[in-house]
Amino acid sequence: MDGVPEPHTGWTFLTNHARVLAAIADNHSARIRDIAAHCRLTERAVQKIIADLERDGYLSHTREGRTNTYRIDPGKVLRHPAEAGLTVAALLSLLVEDEADRATAPSEPGRPHATT
């Protein structure tokens, strides 16, 4: 089926909620279809995640014609007790920085590499 992301097995460091939030931070008027493709999720999964984020106050949207424009509350504190005091803005700054680094990483000499 076209447009359905490949399934992923195993665990990951980021939740799908964090991925969707980062995709929206990158483009506040992104379509659900585009967010789903970027995050390798189904459109239905992205719709549910957006509903979760809106319900808990991390995200809101306004309808402009046929387009949704999303607004993230950067001051909202992360939910898990281990991240007490950390804000959405702090999380997104790490994810956005990572995205920029990923584009330039192979050509950067002296960049530390993970070892096993």
Protein backbone atom coordinates (compact mmCIF):
# COMPACT_ATOMS: atom_id res chain seq x y z
CA MET A 1 0.00 0.00 0.00
CA ASP A 2 1.46 3.36 -1.03
CA GLY A 3 2.17 5.92 1.69
CA VAL A 4 2.15 3.45 4.57
CA PRO A 5 5.45 3.55 6.44
CA GLU A 6 7.56 0.44 6.90
CA PRO A 7 6.96 -1.16 10.29
CA HIS A 8 9.64 -0.70 12.93
CA THR A 9 10.57 -3.34 15.44
CA GLY A 10 12.49 -2.81 18.63
CA TRP A 11 12.76 0.18 20.89
CA THR A 12 13.77 3.75 20.10
CA PHE A 13 15.08 6.68 22.13
CA LEU A 14 12.28 9.08 21.18
CA THR A 15 8.57 8.59 21.50
CA ASN A 16 6.24 9.10 18.57
CA HIS A 17 4.76 12.05 20.47
CA ALA A 18 8.19 13.74 20.53
CA ARG A 19 8.71 13.03 16.84
CA VAL A 20 5.34 14.53 15.89
CA LEU A 21 5.92 17.58 18.08
CA ALA A 22 9.34 18.13 16.49
CA ALA A 23 7.87 17.80 12.99
CA ILE A 24 5.23 20.40 13.85
CA ALA A 25 7.89 22.68 15.35
CA ASP A 26 9.72 22.47 12.04
CA ASN A 27 6.59 23.37 10.04
CA HIS A 28 3.59 24.80 11.91
CA SER A 29 1.29 24.29 8.95
CA ALA A 30 2.43 20.79 7.96
CA ARG A 31 -0.28 18.44 6.76
CA ILE A 32 -0.96 15.28 8.74
CA ARG A 33 0.06 13.31 5.67
CA ASP A 34 3.46 15.03 5.62
CA ILE A 35 3.99 14.63 9.37
CA ALA A 36 3.15 10.94 9.07
CA ALA A 37 5.63 10.44 6.23
CA HIS A 38 8.37 12.35 8.07
CA CYS A 39 7.83 10.41 11.30
CA ARG A 40 7.23 7.08 9.53
CA LEU A 41 3.81 6.72 11.16
CA THR A 42 0.32 6.23 9.81
CA GLU A 43 -1.90 9.27 9.38
CA ARG A 44 -4.31 7.82 11.95
CA ALA A 45 -1.49 7.51 14.50
CA VAL A 46 -0.50 11.14 13.91
CA GLN A 47 -4.12 12.27 14.33
CA LYS A 48 -4.30 10.47 17.68
CA ILE A 49 -0.97 11.93 18.84
CA ILE A 50 -2.05 15.45 17.88
CA ALA A 51 -5.30 14.92 19.80
CA ASP A 52 -3.30 13.77 22.85
CA LEU A 53 -0.99 16.79 22.66
CA GLU A 54 -3.94 19.18 22.28
CA ARG A 55 -5.91 17.59 25.11
CA ASP A 56 -2.97 18.05 27.51
CA GLY A 57 -2.23 21.63 26.41
CA TYR A 58 1.07 21.09 24.58
CA LEU A 59 -0.42 22.01 21.22
CA SER A 60 -3.33 23.94 19.77
CA HIS A 61 -4.44 24.63 16.24
CA THR A 62 -6.41 27.12 14.23
CA ARG A 63 -8.11 26.42 10.96
CA GLU A 64 -7.10 28.73 8.10
CA GLY A 65 -9.09 27.75 5.03
CA ARG A 66 -8.24 24.12 4.40
CA THR A 67 -5.04 24.28 6.45
CA ASN A 68 -4.41 23.78 10.15
CA THR A 69 -1.81 25.99 11.75
CA TYR A 70 -0.41 24.55 14.95
CA ARG A 71 0.90 26.43 17.96
CA ILE A 72 3.16 24.75 20.49
CA ASP A 73 3.25 25.93 24.10
CA PRO A 74 7.04 26.15 24.61
CA GLY A 75 6.74 26.76 28.35
CA LYS A 76 4.76 23.61 29.05
CA VAL A 77 6.67 21.25 31.34
CA LEU A 78 7.37 17.67 30.24
CA ARG A 79 5.18 15.03 31.86
CA HIS A 80 7.57 12.43 33.26
CA PRO A 81 8.91 13.02 36.80
CA ALA A 82 12.46 12.32 35.58
CA GLU A 83 12.21 15.41 33.37
CA ALA A 84 10.71 17.61 36.10
CA GLY A 85 11.27 21.24 35.23
CA LEU A 86 12.29 20.65 31.61
CA THR A 87 10.13 22.46 29.08
CA VAL A 88 8.93 21.63 25.61
CA ALA A 89 11.24 24.38 24.34
CA ALA A 90 14.26 22.61 25.86
CA LEU A 91 13.26 19.31 24.26
CA LEU A 92 12.64 20.89 20.87
CA SER A 93 15.95 22.76 20.95
CA LEU A 94 17.72 19.41 21.28
CA LEU A 95 15.70 17.80 18.52
CA VAL A 96 16.03 20.72 16.12
CA GLU A 97 19.78 20.88 16.77
CA ASP A 98 20.02 17.15 16.13
CA GLU A 99 18.18 17.53 12.82
CA ALA A 100 20.62 20.23 11.69
CA ASP A 101 23.62 18.17 12.84
CA ARG A 102 22.33 15.14 10.97
CA ALA A 103 22.48 17.04 7.69
CA THR A 104 26.14 17.97 8.20
CA ALA A 105 27.47 15.08 10.30
CA PRO A 106 29.22 12.99 7.61
CA SER A 107 31.38 15.89 6.42
CA GLU A 108 32.47 17.12 9.86
CA PRO A 109 35.99 15.96 10.73
CA GLY A 110 36.75 15.21 14.36
CA ARG A 111 33.14 14.58 15.27
CA PRO A 112 32.95 11.98 18.05
CA HIS A 113 31.59 8.61 17.01
CA ALA A 114 29.75 6.09 19.15
CA THR A 115 31.67 2.98 20.10
CA THR A 116 30.38 -0.44 20.95
